[in-house]
């Protein structure tokens, strides 16, 4: 991968908020979110956020919530748990989750009890507060999963594709072989566990999966 040069750090905190379920609390802040986007330096990432917010700022709350559930909760190919795309529900994914949790902890980010460490809004929150460059490197390690998600959202004509494009603008471009892998994963789905060991992740990274809402 080749790192893009001369581009400002993406607005990871904003992206994290906008990729979360549009709760009443978040929706009450739409005016403030729009102002925060308008205050960003002119860039392709800001333009992508503006395209998303033209949709997000206009729809009624119930429609936005229904759209979010239909997009991210009911379709495996638009899951926000990035390591799922490349590892599936396998032991290898469990080790990847444990590694992420250790990295977050070392940098001072303590996860709550609801989300796994590969949940994209959590990864973006970490990228916002992580030591210089570390957040981007962690996201780059999951670039294939991000691309699978981006491709699916584009095919689905979802407004959320603009947020994925804003994230990917700050990351290395995929090489041809990596892009082909992402396209293959989009069509065939993630790998299956060959041996069969449950649970797929160590207990220390398997918090009680409470309802998000």
C-alpha atoms as a PDB file:
ATOM      1  CA  UNK A   1       0.000   0.000   0.000  1.00  0.00           C
ATOM      2  CA  UNK A   2       1.110   3.552  -0.653  1.00  0.00           C
ATOM      3  CA  UNK A   3       0.273   6.181   1.900  1.00  0.00           C
ATOM      4  CA  UNK A   4      -1.467   9.299   0.559  1.00  0.00           C
ATOM      5  CA  UNK A   5       0.646  12.420   0.896  1.00  0.00           C
ATOM      6  CA  UNK A   6      -0.343  15.927   1.804  1.00  0.00           C
ATOM      7  CA  UNK A   7      -3.780  15.076   3.171  1.00  0.00           C
ATOM      8  CA  UNK A   8      -5.011  16.222   6.566  1.00  0.00           C
ATOM      9  CA  UNK A   9      -6.035  13.724   9.218  1.00  0.00           C
ATOM     10  CA  UNK A  10      -9.646  12.637   8.593  1.00  0.00           C
ATOM     11  CA  UNK A  11     -12.237  13.867  11.121  1.00  0.00           C
ATOM     12  CA  UNK A  12     -12.322  10.527  12.898  1.00  0.00           C
ATOM     13  CA  UNK A  13     -14.506  11.671  15.808  1.00  0.00           C
ATOM     14  CA  UNK A  14     -17.219  12.978  13.506  1.00  0.00           C
ATOM     15  CA  UNK A  15     -17.074   9.840  11.421  1.00  0.00           C
ATOM     16  CA  UNK A  16     -17.377   7.706  14.537  1.00  0.00           C
ATOM     17  CA  UNK A  17     -20.492   9.555  15.689  1.00  0.00           C
ATOM     18  CA  UNK A  18     -22.169   9.443  12.283  1.00  0.00           C
ATOM     19  CA  UNK A  19     -21.553   5.700  11.907  1.00  0.00           C
ATOM     20  CA  UNK A  20     -23.274   4.927  15.189  1.00  0.00           C
ATOM     21  CA  UNK A  21     -26.955   4.159  15.521  1.00  0.00           C
ATOM     22  CA  UNK A  22     -28.818   7.486  15.185  1.00  0.00           C
ATOM     23  CA  UNK A  23     -30.107   7.595  18.734  1.00  0.00           C
ATOM     24  CA  UNK A  24     -32.244  10.451  19.991  1.00  0.00           C
ATOM     25  CA  UNK A  25     -29.168  11.927  21.636  1.00  0.00           C
ATOM     26  CA  UNK A  26     -27.219  11.992  18.364  1.00  0.00           C
ATOM     27  CA  UNK A  27     -30.182  13.270  16.368  1.00  0.00           C
ATOM     28  CA  UNK A  28     -30.654  16.136  18.809  1.00  0.00           C
ATOM     29  CA  UNK A  29     -27.127  17.241  17.893  1.00  0.00           C
ATOM     30  CA  UNK A  30     -27.687  17.408  14.126  1.00  0.00           C
ATOM     31  CA  UNK A  31     -27.311  21.176  14.055  1.00  0.00           C
ATOM     32  CA  UNK A  32     -24.029  20.974  15.961  1.00  0.00           C
ATOM     33  CA  UNK A  33     -22.812  18.149  13.734  1.00  0.00           C
ATOM     34  CA  UNK A  34     -23.584  20.174  10.615  1.00  0.00           C
ATOM     35  CA  UNK A  35     -21.657  23.117  12.053  1.00  0.00           C
ATOM     36  CA  UNK A  36     -18.687  20.885  12.872  1.00  0.00           C
ATOM     37  CA  UNK A  37     -18.608  19.628   9.290  1.00  0.00           C
ATOM     38  CA  UNK A  38     -18.809  23.193   7.943  1.00  0.00           C
ATOM     39  CA  UNK A  39     -15.824  24.170  10.099  1.00  0.00           C
ATOM     40  CA  UNK A  40     -13.572  21.478   8.628  1.00  0.00           C
ATOM     41  CA  UNK A  41     -10.851  22.588   6.206  1.00  0.00           C
ATOM     42  CA  UNK A  42     -11.867  22.249   2.573  1.00  0.00           C
ATOM     43  CA  UNK A  43     -10.954  18.731   1.473  1.00  0.00           C
ATOM     44  CA  UNK A  44     -12.403  15.694  -0.330  1.00  0.00           C
ATOM     45  CA  UNK A  45     -13.203  14.192   3.097  1.00  0.00           C
ATOM     46  CA  UNK A  46     -15.238  17.248   4.078  1.00  0.00           C
ATOM     47  CA  UNK A  47     -17.079  17.112   0.746  1.00  0.00           C
ATOM     48  CA  UNK A  48     -17.918  13.440   1.390  1.00  0.00           C
ATOM     49  CA  UNK A  49     -19.260  14.307   4.843  1.00  0.00           C
ATOM     50  CA  UNK A  50     -21.371  17.099   3.349  1.00  0.00           C
ATOM     51  CA  UNK A  51     -22.856  14.645   0.834  1.00  0.00           C
ATOM     52  CA  UNK A  52     -23.768  12.285   3.653  1.00  0.00           C
ATOM     53  CA  UNK A  53     -25.222  15.024   5.810  1.00  0.00           C
ATOM     54  CA  UNK A  54     -27.468  16.258   3.009  1.00  0.00           C
ATOM     55  CA  UNK A  55     -29.242  12.940   3.531  1.00  0.00           C
ATOM     56  CA  UNK A  56     -28.780  12.574   7.290  1.00  0.00           C
ATOM     57  CA  UNK A  57     -29.908  16.085   8.064  1.00  0.00           C
ATOM     58  CA  UNK A  58     -33.071  15.896   5.995  1.00  0.00           C
ATOM     59  CA  UNK A  59     -34.763  12.614   6.953  1.00  0.00           C
ATOM     60  CA  UNK A  60     -37.087  12.188   9.933  1.00  0.00           C
ATOM     61  CA  UNK A  61     -35.609  10.393  12.933  1.00  0.00           C
ATOM     62  CA  UNK A  62     -37.663   7.211  12.542  1.00  0.00           C
ATOM     63  CA  UNK A  63     -36.656   6.815   8.893  1.00  0.00           C
ATOM     64  CA  UNK A  64     -32.985   7.273   9.741  1.00  0.00           C
ATOM     65  CA  UNK A  65     -33.202   4.671  12.496  1.00  0.00           C
ATOM     66  CA  UNK A  66     -35.003   2.176  10.287  1.00  0.00           C
ATOM     67  CA  UNK A  67     -32.496   2.767   7.507  1.00  0.00           C
ATOM     68  CA  UNK A  68     -29.562   2.199   9.873  1.00  0.00           C
ATOM     69  CA  UNK A  69     -30.932  -1.110  11.146  1.00  0.00           C
ATOM     70  CA  UNK A  70     -31.692  -2.319   7.616  1.00  0.00           C
ATOM     71  CA  UNK A  71     -28.220  -1.314   6.452  1.00  0.00           C
ATOM     72  CA  UNK A  72     -25.926  -2.470   9.242  1.00  0.00           C
ATOM     73  CA  UNK A  73     -27.842  -4.871  11.479  1.00  0.00           C
ATOM     74  CA  UNK A  74     -29.644  -7.027   8.920  1.00  0.00           C
ATOM     75  CA  UNK A  75     -26.925  -7.484   6.284  1.00  0.00           C
ATOM     76  CA  UNK A  76     -23.671  -9.357   6.879  1.00  0.00           C
ATOM     77  CA  UNK A  77     -22.007  -7.627   3.935  1.00  0.00           C
ATOM     78  CA  UNK A  78     -22.401  -4.279   5.628  1.00  0.00           C
ATOM     79  CA  UNK A  79     -21.313  -5.285   9.100  1.00  0.00           C
ATOM     80  CA  UNK A  80     -19.393  -2.649  11.054  1.00  0.00           C
ATOM     81  CA  UNK A  81     -17.202  -5.341  12.663  1.00  0.00           C
ATOM     82  CA  UNK A  82     -14.269  -5.161  10.272  1.00  0.00           C
ATOM     83  CA  UNK A  83     -12.306  -8.303  11.085  1.00  0.00           C
ATOM     84  CA  UNK A  84     -15.416 -10.363  10.335  1.00  0.00           C
ATOM     85  CA  UNK A  85     -14.890  -9.769   6.621  1.00  0.00           C
ATOM     86  CA  UNK A  86     -11.418 -11.272   6.459  1.00  0.00           C
ATOM     87  CA  UNK A  87     -11.490 -13.730   9.365  1.00  0.00           C
ATOM     88  CA  UNK A  88     -15.133 -14.744   9.764  1.00  0.00           C
ATOM     89  CA  UNK A  89     -16.206 -16.159  13.113  1.00  0.00           C
ATOM     90  CA  UNK A  90     -12.976 -18.096  13.559  1.00  0.00           C
ATOM     91  CA  UNK A  91     -10.278 -18.530  16.179  1.00  0.00           C
ATOM     92  CA  UNK A  92      -8.013 -16.337  14.059  1.00  0.00           C
ATOM     93  CA  UNK A  93     -10.489 -13.504  14.453  1.00  0.00           C
ATOM     94  CA  UNK A  94     -10.495 -14.051  18.193  1.00  0.00           C
ATOM     95  CA  UNK A  95      -6.756 -13.463  18.340  1.00  0.00           C
ATOM     96  CA  UNK A  96      -7.109 -10.353  16.163  1.00  0.00           C
ATOM     97  CA  UNK A  97      -9.701  -8.970  18.580  1.00  0.00           C
ATOM     98  CA  UNK A  98      -7.478  -9.666  21.555  1.00  0.00           C
ATOM     99  CA  UNK A  99      -4.558  -7.873  19.880  1.00  0.00           C
ATOM    100  CA  UNK A 100      -6.738  -4.814  19.204  1.00  0.00           C
ATOM    101  CA  UNK A 101      -7.931  -4.742  22.790  1.00  0.00           C
ATOM    102  CA  UNK A 102      -4.337  -4.784  24.046  1.00  0.00           C
ATOM    103  CA  UNK A 103      -3.352  -1.969  21.661  1.00  0.00           C
ATOM    104  CA  UNK A 104      -6.290   0.163  22.798  1.00  0.00           C
ATOM    105  CA  UNK A 105      -5.520  -0.466  26.448  1.00  0.00           C
ATOM    106  CA  UNK A 106      -1.865   0.455  26.041  1.00  0.00           C
ATOM    107  CA  UNK A 107      -2.937   3.781  24.492  1.00  0.00           C
ATOM    108  CA  UNK A 108      -5.449   4.503  27.235  1.00  0.00           C
ATOM    109  CA  UNK A 109      -8.721   3.551  25.524  1.00  0.00           C
ATOM    110  CA  UNK A 110     -10.808   1.293  27.740  1.00  0.00           C
ATOM    111  CA  UNK A 111     -13.718  -0.413  26.046  1.00  0.00           C
ATOM    112  CA  UNK A 112     -17.143  -0.528  27.611  1.00  0.00           C
ATOM    113  CA  UNK A 113     -19.157  -3.707  27.836  1.00  0.00           C
ATOM    114  CA  UNK A 114     -21.139  -3.514  24.608  1.00  0.00           C
ATOM    115  CA  UNK A 115     -18.841  -3.481  21.583  1.00  0.00           C
ATOM    116  CA  UNK A 116     -16.007  -5.589  20.253  1.00  0.00           C
ATOM    117  CA  UNK A 117     -12.730  -3.807  19.448  1.00  0.00           C
ATOM    118  CA  UNK A 118     -13.157  -4.223  15.669  1.00  0.00           C
ATOM    119  CA  UNK A 119     -16.411  -2.224  15.672  1.00  0.00           C
ATOM    120  CA  UNK A 120     -15.687   0.590  13.216  1.00  0.00           C
ATOM    121  CA  UNK A 121     -16.945   3.517  15.362  1.00  0.00           C
ATOM    122  CA  UNK A 122     -14.702   2.259  18.195  1.00  0.00           C
ATOM    123  CA  UNK A 123     -11.731   2.026  15.809  1.00  0.00           C
ATOM    124  CA  UNK A 124     -12.401   5.577  14.648  1.00  0.00           C
ATOM    125  CA  UNK A 125     -12.632   6.815  18.221  1.00  0.00           C
ATOM    126  CA  UNK A 126      -9.264   5.199  18.873  1.00  0.00           C
ATOM    127  CA  UNK A 127      -7.825   6.777  15.715  1.00  0.00           C
ATOM    128  CA  UNK A 128      -8.913  10.200  17.006  1.00  0.00           C
ATOM    129  CA  UNK A 129      -7.119   9.874  20.340  1.00  0.00           C
ATOM    130  CA  UNK A 130      -4.252   7.511  19.503  1.00  0.00           C
ATOM    131  CA  UNK A 131      -0.599   8.565  19.340  1.00  0.00           C
ATOM    132  CA  UNK A 132       0.336  10.135  16.004  1.00  0.00           C
ATOM    133  CA  UNK A 133      -0.136   7.724  13.135  1.00  0.00           C
ATOM    134  CA  UNK A 134      -1.157   4.667  15.184  1.00  0.00           C
ATOM    135  CA  UNK A 135      -4.880   4.991  14.525  1.00  0.00           C
ATOM    136  CA  UNK A 136      -4.299   5.275  10.803  1.00  0.00           C
ATOM    137  CA  UNK A 137      -2.050   2.214  10.836  1.00  0.00           C
ATOM    138  CA  UNK A 138      -4.672   0.146  12.637  1.00  0.00           C
ATOM    139  CA  UNK A 139      -7.323   1.215  10.128  1.00  0.00           C
ATOM    140  CA  UNK A 140      -4.924   0.445   7.272  1.00  0.00           C
ATOM    141  CA  UNK A 141      -4.529  -3.090   8.604  1.00  0.00           C
ATOM    142  CA  UNK A 142      -8.285  -3.452   8.081  1.00  0.00           C
ATOM    143  CA  UNK A 143      -8.288  -1.765   4.686  1.00  0.00           C
ATOM    144  CA  UNK A 144      -9.653  -4.855   2.924  1.00  0.00           C
ATOM    145  CA  UNK A 145     -12.631  -5.029   5.290  1.00  0.00           C
ATOM    146  CA  UNK A 146     -13.263  -1.327   4.814  1.00  0.00           C
ATOM    147  CA  UNK A 147     -13.247  -1.839   1.065  1.00  0.00           C
ATOM    148  CA  UNK A 148     -15.738  -4.713   1.245  1.00  0.00           C
ATOM    149  CA  UNK A 149     -18.030  -2.488   3.301  1.00  0.00           C
ATOM    150  CA  UNK A 150     -17.530   0.474   0.964  1.00  0.00           C
ATOM    151  CA  UNK A 151     -18.275  -1.616  -2.122  1.00  0.00           C
ATOM    152  CA  UNK A 152     -21.428  -3.060  -0.615  1.00  0.00           C
ATOM    153  CA  UNK A 153     -22.719   0.338   0.482  1.00  0.00           C
ATOM    154  CA  UNK A 154     -22.028   1.695  -2.987  1.00  0.00           C
ATOM    155  CA  UNK A 155     -23.883  -1.202  -4.621  1.00  0.00           C
ATOM    156  CA  UNK A 156     -26.766  -0.635  -2.205  1.00  0.00           C
ATOM    157  CA  UNK A 157     -26.787   3.089  -3.043  1.00  0.00           C
ATOM    158  CA  UNK A 158     -26.578   3.864   0.668  1.00  0.00           C
ATOM    159  CA  UNK A 159     -25.726   7.379   1.794  1.00  0.00           C
ATOM    160  CA  UNK A 160     -23.350   5.793   4.310  1.00  0.00           C
ATOM    161  CA  UNK A 161     -20.938   5.068   1.476  1.00  0.00           C
ATOM    162  CA  UNK A 162     -19.833   8.719   1.707  1.00  0.00           C
ATOM    163  CA  UNK A 163     -18.577   8.134   5.261  1.00  0.00           C
ATOM    164  CA  UNK A 164     -16.584   5.084   4.148  1.00  0.00           C
ATOM    165  CA  UNK A 165     -15.112   7.091   1.304  1.00  0.00           C
ATOM    166  CA  UNK A 166     -14.043   9.799   3.758  1.00  0.00           C
ATOM    167  CA  UNK A 167     -12.300   7.184   5.904  1.00  0.00           C
ATOM    168  CA  UNK A 168     -10.563   5.519   2.978  1.00  0.00           C
ATOM    169  CA  UNK A 169      -9.290   8.838   1.623  1.00  0.00           C
ATOM    170  CA  UNK A 170      -6.891   9.029   4.552  1.00  0.00           C
ATOM    171  CA  UNK A 171      -5.564   5.482   4.039  1.00  0.00           C
ATOM    172  CA  UNK A 172      -3.248   3.791   1.547  1.00  0.00           C
ATOM    173  CA  UNK A 173      -4.751   2.792  -1.751  1.00  0.00           C
ATOM    174  CA  UNK A 174      -5.385  -0.889  -2.301  1.00  0.00           C
ATOM    175  CA  UNK A 175      -3.163  -2.707  -4.735  1.00  0.00           C
ATOM    176  CA  UNK A 176      -4.882  -4.621  -7.529  1.00  0.00           C
ATOM    177  CA  UNK A 177      -4.554  -7.980  -5.750  1.00  0.00           C
ATOM    178  CA  UNK A 178      -6.000  -6.502  -2.553  1.00  0.00           C
ATOM    179  CA  UNK A 179      -8.893  -4.962  -4.451  1.00  0.00           C
ATOM    180  CA  UNK A 180      -9.612  -8.319  -6.096  1.00  0.00           C
ATOM    181  CA  UNK A 181      -9.603  -9.968  -2.667  1.00  0.00           C
ATOM    182  CA  UNK A 182     -12.127  -7.415  -1.412  1.00  0.00           C
ATOM    183  CA  UNK A 183     -14.373  -8.072  -4.409  1.00  0.00           C
ATOM    184  CA  UNK A 184     -14.095 -11.809  -3.840  1.00  0.00           C
ATOM    185  CA  UNK A 185     -15.010 -11.462  -0.156  1.00  0.00           C
ATOM    186  CA  UNK A 186     -17.988  -9.319  -1.127  1.00  0.00           C
ATOM    187  CA  UNK A 187     -19.268 -12.090  -3.385  1.00  0.00           C
ATOM    188  CA  UNK A 188     -18.311 -15.178  -1.374  1.00  0.00           C
ATOM    189  CA  UNK A 189     -18.435 -13.947   2.197  1.00  0.00           C
ATOM    190  CA  UNK A 190     -15.906 -14.421   5.015  1.00  0.00           C
ATOM    191  CA  UNK A 191     -13.982 -17.657   5.676  1.00  0.00           C
ATOM    192  CA  UNK A 192     -15.429 -20.467   7.777  1.00  0.00           C
ATOM    193  CA  UNK A 193     -13.802 -22.092  10.771  1.00  0.00           C
ATOM    194  CA  UNK A 194     -12.133 -25.279   9.597  1.00  0.00           C
ATOM    195  CA  UNK A 195     -11.799 -26.967  12.978  1.00  0.00           C
ATOM    196  CA  UNK A 196     -14.723 -25.691  14.965  1.00  0.00           C
ATOM    197  CA  UNK A 197     -13.920 -24.147  18.303  1.00  0.00           C
ATOM    198  CA  UNK A 198     -16.401 -22.131  20.300  1.00  0.00           C
ATOM    199  CA  UNK A 199     -16.455 -19.393  21.348  1.00  0.00           C
ATOM    200  CA  UNK A 200     -14.631 -17.779  18.423  1.00  0.00           C
ATOM    201  CA  UNK A 201     -12.895 -15.234  20.672  1.00  0.00           C
ATOM    202  CA  UNK A 202     -11.208 -15.498  24.064  1.00  0.00           C
ATOM    203  CA  UNK A 203     -13.543 -14.658  26.986  1.00  0.00           C
ATOM    204  CA  UNK A 204     -11.678 -11.438  27.750  1.00  0.00           C
ATOM    205  CA  UNK A 205     -12.768  -9.907  24.425  1.00  0.00           C
ATOM    206  CA  UNK A 206     -16.332 -11.258  24.451  1.00  0.00           C
ATOM    207  CA  UNK A 207     -18.335  -8.730  26.510  1.00  0.00           C
ATOM    208  CA  UNK A 208     -21.993  -9.303  27.129  1.00  0.00           C
ATOM    209  CA  UNK A 209     -23.538  -8.262  23.840  1.00  0.00           C
ATOM    210  CA  UNK A 210     -26.298  -6.036  25.171  1.00  0.00           C
ATOM    211  CA  UNK A 211     -28.853  -4.541  22.828  1.00  0.00           C
ATOM    212  CA  UNK A 212     -27.456  -1.303  21.410  1.00  0.00           C
ATOM    213  CA  UNK A 213     -30.832   0.335  21.830  1.00  0.00           C
END
